[in-house]
Amino acid sequence: MSDILITPDALAALIAAGAPVRVLDVRWRLDRPDGRPEYLAGHIPGAVYVSLDDDLAAHGEPTDGRHPLPDVSALQAAARRWGINDGDTVVVYDDLKSLSAARAWWVLTDAGVEDVRILDGSLRAWTDAGLPLDEGDAVPKPGSVSLVAGQLAQVSIDEAAELAASGALLDVRAPERYRGDVEPIDPRAGHIPGSINVPTTGNVDADGRFLGPEALRARFAEAGVDDASPVAVSCGSGVTASHAFVALRIAGLAPTLYPGSWSQWSNHPERPVVTRPNPG
C-alpha cells in the first residue's frame, strides 16, 4: 500500500498501541459543507472534527476562488487545537471516497507535517471492518506542531493557462460540468481551454478505495500524462483536485495543484471559456 494511505486495521493497531497518532474527521460535501452533525453521531474513537470551509481554506475575493489555501499561521493554530505535535502520524478521513480528506492531506503535507495518511475506503471501510465508533465531541490536549507552507508544488492562474497549452492540465470535475452542460455554483460554465477531463471519481473503486499504482498510471497515460509531461490538476475549487493529486502521486507521477481551479478562473471574465466535450 502507498505510504499516503492507511488501512482500517493498521489505524486501529496504532490507536490500540498508544502510538502518537491524531485522527481528523473531514466530512464535507458541496451540498452539505458542515459535517459536524454526522461527526457527532458517530466517528472513529478519538477523532477530531475539522471544518474544511473554516480550517482548510481561506476566505477572500471571488477572484481568489471558493477555497483558497489557508494562511499557514491560521492553519498552525487549528492544527494545535486538533492536538497535533511535531512527529505525530496524522490520519484523515471522510465519508465520501476520500474527496475532502485528500484536501486535508494536501494542506497538511504542504505545511510540513511529515506523516499524513488517508484512511483508504473512508469511514465505510472502518465500519465494514467491524471497528467501533464514538459519539459526541472529542476534545484533545492542545498540540505544539510548527508548520511551514510550501512543501508541495502548486501553480497560479497564469501558470495553469500555460500548462493547459504546453503540458497537461487535468480538470477532474464531472463530465457535465467540464462540458458546460450544468454549473451549479460558479459564475460561468465550461472549462479552461486546453484542459483535459479526467474525473477524479474514476481513481477509486466501487468501495471508495484508490486504484493501485499500475491501474492509475494506465488511466493517466490514456489522458497523455507520463513521466515526461508536466501535469497540474484543477477542479471546482481545489478540493477534489487534491484527490487527483494524491492519485497521481500513488501512480508515481509528479503533479502540481491549481488551488484556485474553475471557481477562480470563471470569476475572471477576461479569461476564455470552452463549452464542448474536447479540450478545446
C-alpha atoms as a PDB file:
ATOM      1  CA  MET A   1       0.000   0.000   0.000  1.00  0.00           C
ATOM      2  CA  SER A   2       1.119   3.554  -0.746  1.00  0.00           C
ATOM      3  CA  ASP A   3       2.728   5.478   2.107  1.00  0.00           C
ATOM      4  CA  ILE A   4      -0.065   8.031   1.588  1.00  0.00           C
ATOM      5  CA  LEU A   5      -2.768   5.512   2.525  1.00  0.00           C
ATOM      6  CA  ILE A   6      -3.549   3.503   5.634  1.00  0.00           C
ATOM      7  CA  THR A   7      -5.941   0.582   6.157  1.00  0.00           C
ATOM      8  CA  PRO A   8      -8.530   0.492   8.949  1.00  0.00           C
ATOM      9  CA  ASP A   9      -6.749  -2.414  10.639  1.00  0.00           C
ATOM     10  CA  ALA A  10      -3.415  -0.566  10.573  1.00  0.00           C
ATOM     11  CA  LEU A  11      -5.008   2.548  12.053  1.00  0.00           C
ATOM     12  CA  ALA A  12      -6.774   0.521  14.741  1.00  0.00           C
ATOM     13  CA  ALA A  13      -3.446  -1.092  15.658  1.00  0.00           C
ATOM     14  CA  LEU A  14      -1.761   2.314  16.006  1.00  0.00           C
ATOM     15  CA  ILE A  15      -4.557   3.568  18.253  1.00  0.00           C
ATOM     16  CA  ALA A  16      -4.502   0.392  20.373  1.00  0.00           C
ATOM     17  CA  ALA A  17      -0.722   0.626  20.782  1.00  0.00           C
ATOM     18  CA  GLY A  18      -0.945   4.196  22.062  1.00  0.00           C
ATOM     19  CA  ALA A  19       1.178   5.466  19.165  1.00  0.00           C
ATOM     20  CA  PRO A  20       1.391   9.232  18.587  1.00  0.00           C
ATOM     21  CA  VAL A  21      -1.445   9.342  16.060  1.00  0.00           C
ATOM     22  CA  ARG A  22      -4.023  12.084  15.593  1.00  0.00           C
ATOM     23  CA  VAL A  23      -7.173  11.253  13.641  1.00  0.00           C
ATOM     24  CA  LEU A  24      -9.076  14.002  11.812  1.00  0.00           C
ATOM     25  CA  ASP A  25     -12.675  13.698  10.607  1.00  0.00           C
ATOM     26  CA  VAL A  26     -13.007  15.891   7.499  1.00  0.00           C
ATOM     27  CA  ARG A  27     -16.590  15.221   6.435  1.00  0.00           C
ATOM     28  CA  TRP A  28     -17.723  17.799   3.859  1.00  0.00           C
ATOM     29  CA  ARG A  29     -19.905  17.864   0.759  1.00  0.00           C
ATOM     30  CA  LEU A  30     -20.664  20.607  -1.710  1.00  0.00           C
ATOM     31  CA  ASP A  31     -24.369  20.446  -0.859  1.00  0.00           C
ATOM     32  CA  ARG A  32     -23.791  19.936   2.890  1.00  0.00           C
ATOM     33  CA  PRO A  33     -20.495  21.540   3.885  1.00  0.00           C
ATOM     34  CA  ASP A  34     -20.951  21.218   7.653  1.00  0.00           C
ATOM     35  CA  GLY A  35     -20.203  17.619   8.552  1.00  0.00           C
ATOM     36  CA  ARG A  36     -20.267  18.164  12.322  1.00  0.00           C
ATOM     37  CA  PRO A  37     -23.738  16.626  12.884  1.00  0.00           C
ATOM     38  CA  GLU A  38     -22.610  13.398  11.224  1.00  0.00           C
ATOM     39  CA  TYR A  39     -19.350  13.507  13.196  1.00  0.00           C
ATOM     40  CA  LEU A  40     -21.197  13.868  16.496  1.00  0.00           C
ATOM     41  CA  ALA A  41     -23.447  10.951  15.604  1.00  0.00           C
ATOM     42  CA  GLY A  42     -20.500   8.623  15.116  1.00  0.00           C
ATOM     43  CA  HIS A  43     -16.775   8.943  14.472  1.00  0.00           C
ATOM     44  CA  ILE A  44     -13.560   6.968  14.828  1.00  0.00           C
ATOM     45  CA  PRO A  45     -12.606   6.946  18.511  1.00  0.00           C
ATOM     46  CA  GLY A  46     -10.502   9.996  19.371  1.00  0.00           C
ATOM     47  CA  ALA A  47     -11.063  11.679  16.014  1.00  0.00           C
ATOM     48  CA  VAL A  48     -11.369  15.468  15.981  1.00  0.00           C
ATOM     49  CA  TYR A  49     -13.773  17.203  13.609  1.00  0.00           C
ATOM     50  CA  VAL A  50     -12.157  19.518  11.050  1.00  0.00           C
ATOM     51  CA  SER A  51     -14.207  22.089   9.137  1.00  0.00           C
ATOM     52  CA  LEU A  52     -12.959  22.195   5.562  1.00  0.00           C
ATOM     53  CA  ASP A  53     -14.560  25.582   4.910  1.00  0.00           C
ATOM     54  CA  ASP A  54     -13.234  27.179   8.102  1.00  0.00           C
ATOM     55  CA  ASP A  55      -9.919  25.419   8.768  1.00  0.00           C
ATOM     56  CA  LEU A  56      -8.660  24.131   5.412  1.00  0.00           C
ATOM     57  CA  ALA A  57      -9.498  27.212   3.340  1.00  0.00           C
ATOM     58  CA  ALA A  58      -9.167  30.974   3.499  1.00  0.00           C
ATOM     59  CA  HIS A  59     -11.921  33.434   2.592  1.00  0.00           C
ATOM     60  CA  GLY A  60     -11.009  36.074   0.046  1.00  0.00           C
ATOM     61  CA  GLU A  61     -12.448  37.720  -3.023  1.00  0.00           C
ATOM     62  CA  PRO A  62     -14.386  35.720  -5.633  1.00  0.00           C
ATOM     63  CA  THR A  63     -11.409  36.195  -7.946  1.00  0.00           C
ATOM     64  CA  ASP A  64      -9.384  34.084  -5.483  1.00  0.00           C
ATOM     65  CA  GLY A  65     -11.752  31.122  -5.847  1.00  0.00           C
ATOM     66  CA  ARG A  66     -14.096  29.492  -3.346  1.00  0.00           C
ATOM     67  CA  HIS A  67     -11.462  27.655  -1.303  1.00  0.00           C
ATOM     68  CA  PRO A  68      -8.123  29.485  -1.340  1.00  0.00           C
ATOM     69  CA  LEU A  69      -5.395  27.766   0.637  1.00  0.00           C
ATOM     70  CA  PRO A  70      -5.375  28.780   4.312  1.00  0.00           C
ATOM     71  CA  ASP A  71      -2.810  31.098   5.814  1.00  0.00           C
ATOM     72  CA  VAL A  72      -0.174  28.955   7.485  1.00  0.00           C
ATOM     73  CA  SER A  73      -0.433  30.768  10.837  1.00  0.00           C
ATOM     74  CA  ALA A  74      -4.186  30.148  10.984  1.00  0.00           C
ATOM     75  CA  LEU A  75      -3.630  26.522   9.939  1.00  0.00           C
ATOM     76  CA  GLN A  76      -0.995  26.074  12.636  1.00  0.00           C
ATOM     77  CA  ALA A  77      -3.372  27.397  15.291  1.00  0.00           C
ATOM     78  CA  ALA A  78      -6.050  24.986  14.089  1.00  0.00           C
ATOM     79  CA  ALA A  79      -3.619  22.045  13.958  1.00  0.00           C
ATOM     80  CA  ARG A  80      -2.528  22.736  17.524  1.00  0.00           C
ATOM     81  CA  ARG A  81      -6.201  22.868  18.540  1.00  0.00           C
ATOM     82  CA  TRP A  82      -6.609  19.426  16.978  1.00  0.00           C
ATOM     83  CA  GLY A  83      -3.805  18.173  19.221  1.00  0.00           C
ATOM     84  CA  ILE A  84      -1.090  17.693  16.605  1.00  0.00           C
ATOM     85  CA  ASN A  85       2.531  17.683  17.730  1.00  0.00           C
ATOM     86  CA  ASP A  86       5.686  17.523  15.632  1.00  0.00           C
ATOM     87  CA  GLY A  87       6.406  13.909  14.743  1.00  0.00           C
ATOM     88  CA  ASP A  88       2.796  12.708  15.029  1.00  0.00           C
ATOM     89  CA  THR A  89       1.204  10.483  12.444  1.00  0.00           C
ATOM     90  CA  VAL A  90      -1.945  12.237  11.218  1.00  0.00           C
ATOM     91  CA  VAL A  91      -4.746  10.173   9.674  1.00  0.00           C
ATOM     92  CA  VAL A  92      -7.531  11.937   7.784  1.00  0.00           C
ATOM     93  CA  TYR A  93     -10.849  10.501   6.651  1.00  0.00           C
ATOM     94  CA  ASP A  94     -14.305  11.445   5.404  1.00  0.00           C
ATOM     95  CA  ASP A  95     -17.420   9.532   4.357  1.00  0.00           C
ATOM     96  CA  LEU A  96     -17.226  10.144   0.590  1.00  0.00           C
ATOM     97  CA  LYS A  97     -14.386   8.349  -1.224  1.00  0.00           C
ATOM     98  CA  SER A  98     -11.702  10.488   0.493  1.00  0.00           C
ATOM     99  CA  LEU A  99     -12.600  13.523  -1.660  1.00  0.00           C
ATOM    100  CA  SER A 100     -12.396  16.002   1.214  1.00  0.00           C
ATOM    101  CA  ALA A 101      -9.892  14.009   3.277  1.00  0.00           C
ATOM    102  CA  ALA A 102      -7.456  14.456   0.393  1.00  0.00           C
ATOM    103  CA  ARG A 103      -7.730  18.238   0.811  1.00  0.00           C
ATOM    104  CA  ALA A 104      -6.607  17.827   4.439  1.00  0.00           C
ATOM    105  CA  TRP A 105      -3.775  15.551   3.310  1.00  0.00           C
ATOM    106  CA  TRP A 106      -2.612  18.150   0.769  1.00  0.00           C
ATOM    107  CA  VAL A 107      -2.842  21.153   3.073  1.00  0.00           C
ATOM    108  CA  LEU A 108      -1.080  19.457   5.989  1.00  0.00           C
ATOM    109  CA  THR A 109       1.598  17.844   3.830  1.00  0.00           C
ATOM    110  CA  ASP A 110       2.245  21.162   2.126  1.00  0.00           C
ATOM    111  CA  ALA A 111       2.618  22.734   5.573  1.00  0.00           C
ATOM    112  CA  GLY A 112       5.336  20.282   6.573  1.00  0.00           C
ATOM    113  CA  VAL A 113       3.531  17.550   8.522  1.00  0.00           C
ATOM    114  CA  GLU A 114       5.752  14.644   7.546  1.00  0.00           C
ATOM    115  CA  ASP A 115       3.435  11.661   8.025  1.00  0.00           C
ATOM    116  CA  VAL A 116      -0.127  12.299   6.854  1.00  0.00           C
ATOM    117  CA  ARG A 117      -2.206   9.291   5.814  1.00  0.00           C
ATOM    118  CA  ILE A 118      -5.611   8.957   4.195  1.00  0.00           C
ATOM    119  CA  LEU A 119      -7.858   6.206   5.542  1.00  0.00           C
ATOM    120  CA  ASP A 120      -8.354   4.224   2.345  1.00  0.00           C
ATOM    121  CA  GLY A 121     -12.020   3.492   1.751  1.00  0.00           C
ATOM    122  CA  SER A 122     -13.122   6.284   4.102  1.00  0.00           C
ATOM    123  CA  LEU A 123     -15.318   5.747   7.164  1.00  0.00           C
ATOM    124  CA  ARG A 124     -17.186   2.956   5.382  1.00  0.00           C
ATOM    125  CA  ALA A 125     -14.039   0.834   5.340  1.00  0.00           C
ATOM    126  CA  TRP A 126     -13.678   1.318   9.103  1.00  0.00           C
ATOM    127  CA  THR A 127     -17.249   0.247   9.872  1.00  0.00           C
ATOM    128  CA  ASP A 128     -17.147  -2.580   7.318  1.00  0.00           C
ATOM    129  CA  ALA A 129     -14.146  -3.924   9.245  1.00  0.00           C
ATOM    130  CA  GLY A 130     -16.343  -4.117  12.356  1.00  0.00           C
ATOM    131  CA  LEU A 131     -14.441  -1.367  14.152  1.00  0.00           C
ATOM    132  CA  PRO A 132     -16.193   0.850  16.714  1.00  0.00           C
ATOM    133  CA  LEU A 133     -17.435   4.427  16.558  1.00  0.00           C
ATOM    134  CA  ASP A 134     -17.729   7.010  19.312  1.00  0.00           C
ATOM    135  CA  GLU A 135     -20.440   9.633  19.683  1.00  0.00           C
ATOM    136  CA  GLY A 136     -20.123  13.233  20.875  1.00  0.00           C
ATOM    137  CA  ASP A 137     -17.162  15.564  20.622  1.00  0.00           C
ATOM    138  CA  ALA A 138     -13.519  14.636  21.210  1.00  0.00           C
ATOM    139  CA  VAL A 139     -11.516  17.431  22.864  1.00  0.00           C
ATOM    140  CA  PRO A 140      -7.787  16.676  22.666  1.00  0.00           C
ATOM    141  CA  LYS A 141      -4.971  18.191  24.652  1.00  0.00           C
ATOM    142  CA  PRO A 142      -3.597  21.109  22.587  1.00  0.00           C
ATOM    143  CA  GLY A 143      -0.585  20.288  20.453  1.00  0.00           C
ATOM    144  CA  SER A 144       2.554  22.247  19.617  1.00  0.00           C
ATOM    145  CA  VAL A 145       3.213  21.471  15.937  1.00  0.00           C
ATOM    146  CA  SER A 146       5.154  24.025  13.892  1.00  0.00           C
ATOM    147  CA  LEU A 147       4.147  24.461  10.264  1.00  0.00           C
ATOM    148  CA  VAL A 148       5.890  25.950   7.232  1.00  0.00           C
ATOM    149  CA  ALA A 149       3.925  26.118   3.973  1.00  0.00           C
ATOM    150  CA  GLY A 150       5.303  25.441   0.511  1.00  0.00           C
ATOM    151  CA  GLN A 151       6.334  21.783   0.597  1.00  0.00           C
ATOM    152  CA  LEU A 152       4.160  20.757  -2.373  1.00  0.00           C
ATOM    153  CA  ALA A 153       4.006  22.136  -5.904  1.00  0.00           C
ATOM    154  CA  GLN A 154       1.216  24.479  -6.983  1.00  0.00           C
ATOM    155  CA  VAL A 155       0.524  26.773  -9.922  1.00  0.00           C
ATOM    156  CA  SER A 156      -1.058  30.203 -10.291  1.00  0.00           C
ATOM    157  CA  ILE A 157      -3.864  31.061 -12.688  1.00  0.00           C
ATOM    158  CA  ASP A 158      -1.330  32.235 -15.300  1.00  0.00           C
ATOM    159  CA  GLU A 159       0.783  29.104 -14.899  1.00  0.00           C
ATOM    160  CA  ALA A 160      -2.343  26.944 -15.200  1.00  0.00           C
ATOM    161  CA  ALA A 161      -3.178  28.613 -18.517  1.00  0.00           C
ATOM    162  CA  GLU A 162       0.341  27.979 -19.755  1.00  0.00           C
ATOM    163  CA  LEU A 163       0.261  24.326 -18.710  1.00  0.00           C
ATOM    164  CA  ALA A 164      -3.067  23.824 -20.458  1.00  0.00           C
ATOM    165  CA  ALA A 165      -1.376  24.998 -23.658  1.00  0.00           C
ATOM    166  CA  SER A 166       2.042  23.348 -23.340  1.00  0.00           C
ATOM    167  CA  GLY A 167       1.682  20.471 -20.865  1.00  0.00           C
ATOM    168  CA  ALA A 168      -1.282  18.760 -19.255  1.00  0.00           C
ATOM    169  CA  LEU A 169      -3.905  20.489 -17.108  1.00  0.00           C
ATOM    170  CA  LEU A 170      -6.366  17.905 -15.844  1.00  0.00           C
ATOM    171  CA  ASP A 171      -9.893  19.058 -14.985  1.00  0.00           C
ATOM    172  CA  VAL A 172     -11.181  16.409 -12.605  1.00  0.00           C
ATOM    173  CA  ARG A 173     -14.790  17.588 -12.301  1.00  0.00           C
ATOM    174  CA  ALA A 174     -17.774  15.579 -13.505  1.00  0.00           C
ATOM    175  CA  PRO A 175     -18.048  15.499 -17.320  1.00  0.00           C
ATOM    176  CA  GLU A 176     -21.271  17.526 -17.397  1.00  0.00           C
ATOM    177  CA  ARG A 177     -19.604  20.397 -15.563  1.00  0.00           C
ATOM    178  CA  TYR A 178     -16.496  20.168 -17.725  1.00  0.00           C
ATOM    179  CA  ARG A 179     -18.605  20.328 -20.878  1.00  0.00           C
ATOM    180  CA  GLY A 180     -20.581  23.258 -19.504  1.00  0.00           C
ATOM    181  CA  ASP A 181     -23.915  21.432 -19.583  1.00  0.00           C
ATOM    182  CA  VAL A 182     -24.544  22.482 -15.973  1.00  0.00           C
ATOM    183  CA  GLU A 183     -22.855  24.761 -13.472  1.00  0.00           C
ATOM    184  CA  PRO A 184     -24.440  24.633 -10.010  1.00  0.00           C
ATOM    185  CA  ILE A 185     -22.259  27.120  -8.181  1.00  0.00           C
ATOM    186  CA  ASP A 186     -19.662  29.050 -10.201  1.00  0.00           C
ATOM    187  CA  PRO A 187     -20.472  32.112 -12.362  1.00  0.00           C
ATOM    188  CA  ARG A 188     -19.660  30.603 -15.761  1.00  0.00           C
ATOM    189  CA  ALA A 189     -19.967  27.099 -17.196  1.00  0.00           C
ATOM    190  CA  GLY A 190     -17.333  25.242 -19.166  1.00  0.00           C
ATOM    191  CA  HIS A 191     -13.624  24.578 -18.803  1.00  0.00           C
ATOM    192  CA  ILE A 192     -10.197  26.140 -19.224  1.00  0.00           C
ATOM    193  CA  PRO A 193      -9.093  25.981 -22.873  1.00  0.00           C
ATOM    194  CA  GLY A 194      -6.790  23.008 -23.376  1.00  0.00           C
ATOM    195  CA  SER A 195      -7.671  21.294 -20.090  1.00  0.00           C
ATOM    196  CA  ILE A 196      -8.395  17.544 -20.210  1.00  0.00           C
ATOM    197  CA  ASN A 197     -11.301  15.953 -18.368  1.00  0.00           C
ATOM    198  CA  VAL A 198     -10.237  13.048 -16.135  1.00  0.00           C
ATOM    199  CA  PRO A 199     -12.900  12.803 -13.386  1.00  0.00           C
ATOM    200  CA  THR A 200     -11.280  12.003 -10.074  1.00  0.00           C
ATOM    201  CA  THR A 201     -14.103   9.660  -9.063  1.00  0.00           C
ATOM    202  CA  GLY A 202     -12.602   7.210 -11.575  1.00  0.00           C
ATOM    203  CA  ASN A 203      -9.481   6.961  -9.422  1.00  0.00           C
ATOM    204  CA  VAL A 204     -11.255   4.829  -6.809  1.00  0.00           C
ATOM    205  CA  ASP A 205     -13.099   1.520  -6.956  1.00  0.00           C
ATOM    206  CA  ALA A 206     -16.715   0.791  -6.056  1.00  0.00           C
ATOM    207  CA  ASP A 207     -15.787   0.718  -2.363  1.00  0.00           C
ATOM    208  CA  GLY A 208     -14.081   4.106  -2.499  1.00  0.00           C
ATOM    209  CA  ARG A 209     -10.558   2.698  -2.279  1.00  0.00           C
ATOM    210  CA  PHE A 210      -7.846   4.133  -4.517  1.00  0.00           C
ATOM    211  CA  LEU A 211      -6.903   2.018  -7.507  1.00  0.00           C
ATOM    212  CA  GLY A 212      -3.424   0.507  -7.473  1.00  0.00           C
ATOM    213  CA  PRO A 213      -0.403   2.334  -8.898  1.00  0.00           C
ATOM    214  CA  GLU A 214      -0.400   0.433 -12.197  1.00  0.00           C
ATOM    215  CA  ALA A 215      -4.113   0.986 -12.836  1.00  0.00           C
ATOM    216  CA  LEU A 216      -3.823   4.675 -12.002  1.00  0.00           C
ATOM    217  CA  ARG A 217      -0.756   5.095 -14.158  1.00  0.00           C
ATOM    218  CA  ALA A 218      -2.569   3.480 -17.079  1.00  0.00           C
ATOM    219  CA  ARG A 219      -5.571   5.728 -16.549  1.00  0.00           C
ATOM    220  CA  PHE A 220      -3.464   8.868 -16.646  1.00  0.00           C
ATOM    221  CA  ALA A 221      -1.471   7.569 -19.620  1.00  0.00           C
ATOM    222  CA  GLU A 222      -4.745   7.429 -21.578  1.00  0.00           C
ATOM    223  CA  ALA A 223      -5.022  11.178 -20.949  1.00  0.00           C
ATOM    224  CA  GLY A 224      -1.489  11.704 -22.260  1.00  0.00           C
ATOM    225  CA  VAL A 225       0.198  12.034 -18.870  1.00  0.00           C
ATOM    226  CA  ASP A 226       3.521  10.305 -18.228  1.00  0.00           C
ATOM    227  CA  ASP A 227       6.886  10.975 -16.599  1.00  0.00           C
ATOM    228  CA  ALA A 228       7.861  13.361 -19.379  1.00  0.00           C
ATOM    229  CA  SER A 229       4.728  15.506 -19.067  1.00  0.00           C
ATOM    230  CA  PRO A 230       4.367  18.387 -16.627  1.00  0.00           C
ATOM    231  CA  VAL A 231       0.890  17.951 -15.159  1.00  0.00           C
ATOM    232  CA  ALA A 232      -1.340  20.090 -12.968  1.00  0.00           C
ATOM    233  CA  VAL A 233      -4.776  19.294 -11.576  1.00  0.00           C
ATOM    234  CA  SER A 234      -7.828  21.514 -11.195  1.00  0.00           C
ATOM    235  CA  CYS A 235     -11.459  21.009 -10.207  1.00  0.00           C
ATOM    236  CA  GLY A 236     -14.222  23.299  -8.982  1.00  0.00           C
ATOM    237  CA  SER A 237     -12.434  24.947  -6.090  1.00  0.00           C
ATOM    238  CA  GLY A 238      -9.280  22.949  -5.371  1.00  0.00           C
ATOM    239  CA  VAL A 239     -10.843  20.306  -3.111  1.00  0.00           C
ATOM    240  CA  THR A 240     -11.255  17.281  -5.379  1.00  0.00           C
ATOM    241  CA  ALA A 241      -8.163  18.352  -7.311  1.00  0.00           C
ATOM    242  CA  SER A 242      -6.279  17.374  -4.153  1.00  0.00           C
ATOM    243  CA  HIS A 243      -7.775  13.884  -4.528  1.00  0.00           C
ATOM    244  CA  ALA A 244      -6.455  13.672  -8.096  1.00  0.00           C
ATOM    245  CA  PHE A 245      -3.080  14.969  -6.877  1.00  0.00           C
ATOM    246  CA  VAL A 246      -2.965  12.037  -4.449  1.00  0.00           C
ATOM    247  CA  ALA A 247      -3.899   9.586  -7.207  1.00  0.00           C
ATOM    248  CA  LEU A 248      -1.122  10.934  -9.432  1.00  0.00           C
ATOM    249  CA  ARG A 249       1.376  10.583  -6.584  1.00  0.00           C
ATOM    250  CA  ILE A 250       0.255   6.993  -5.980  1.00  0.00           C
ATOM    251  CA  ALA A 251       0.819   6.396  -9.704  1.00  0.00           C
ATOM    252  CA  GLY A 252       4.410   7.544  -9.288  1.00  0.00           C
ATOM    253  CA  LEU A 253       3.935  10.851 -11.116  1.00  0.00           C
ATOM    254  CA  ALA A 254       4.834  14.388 -10.032  1.00  0.00           C
ATOM    255  CA  PRO A 255       1.710  16.590 -10.120  1.00  0.00           C
ATOM    256  CA  THR A 256       1.132  20.218  -9.235  1.00  0.00           C
ATOM    257  CA  LEU A 257      -2.097  21.678  -7.874  1.00  0.00           C
ATOM    258  CA  TYR A 258      -4.035  24.639  -9.235  1.00  0.00           C
ATOM    259  CA  PRO A 259      -5.704  25.718  -5.963  1.00  0.00           C
ATOM    260  CA  GLY A 260      -7.977  28.362  -7.485  1.00  0.00           C
ATOM    261  CA  SER A 261      -9.358  25.942 -10.083  1.00  0.00           C
ATOM    262  CA  TRP A 262     -12.560  26.686 -12.004  1.00  0.00           C
ATOM    263  CA  SER A 263     -14.021  28.852  -9.229  1.00  0.00           C
ATOM    264  CA  GLN A 264     -11.148  31.292  -9.679  1.00  0.00           C
ATOM    265  CA  TRP A 265     -10.893  31.070 -13.473  1.00  0.00           C
ATOM    266  CA  SER A 266     -14.649  31.592 -14.013  1.00  0.00           C
ATOM    267  CA  ASN A 267     -14.596  34.732 -11.858  1.00  0.00           C
ATOM    268  CA  HIS A 268     -12.142  36.377 -14.247  1.00  0.00           C
ATOM    269  CA  PRO A 269     -14.293  37.483 -17.202  1.00  0.00           C
ATOM    270  CA  GLU A 270     -11.203  38.211 -19.289  1.00  0.00           C
ATOM    271  CA  ARG A 271     -10.280  34.505 -19.220  1.00  0.00           C
ATOM    272  CA  PRO A 272     -11.619  32.427 -22.130  1.00  0.00           C
ATOM    273  CA  VAL A 273     -14.011  29.522 -21.559  1.00  0.00           C
ATOM    274  CA  VAL A 274     -14.686  26.415 -23.657  1.00  0.00           C
ATOM    275  CA  THR A 275     -18.058  24.647 -23.666  1.00  0.00           C
ATOM    276  CA  ARG A 276     -17.657  21.446 -25.640  1.00  0.00           C
ATOM    277  CA  PRO A 277     -16.546  17.886 -24.875  1.00  0.00           C
ATOM    278  CA  ASN A 278     -12.967  18.048 -26.155  1.00  0.00           C
ATOM    279  CA  PRO A 279     -10.188  20.063 -24.501  1.00  0.00           C
ATOM    280  CA  GLY A 280     -10.574  22.997 -26.944  1.00  0.00           C
END
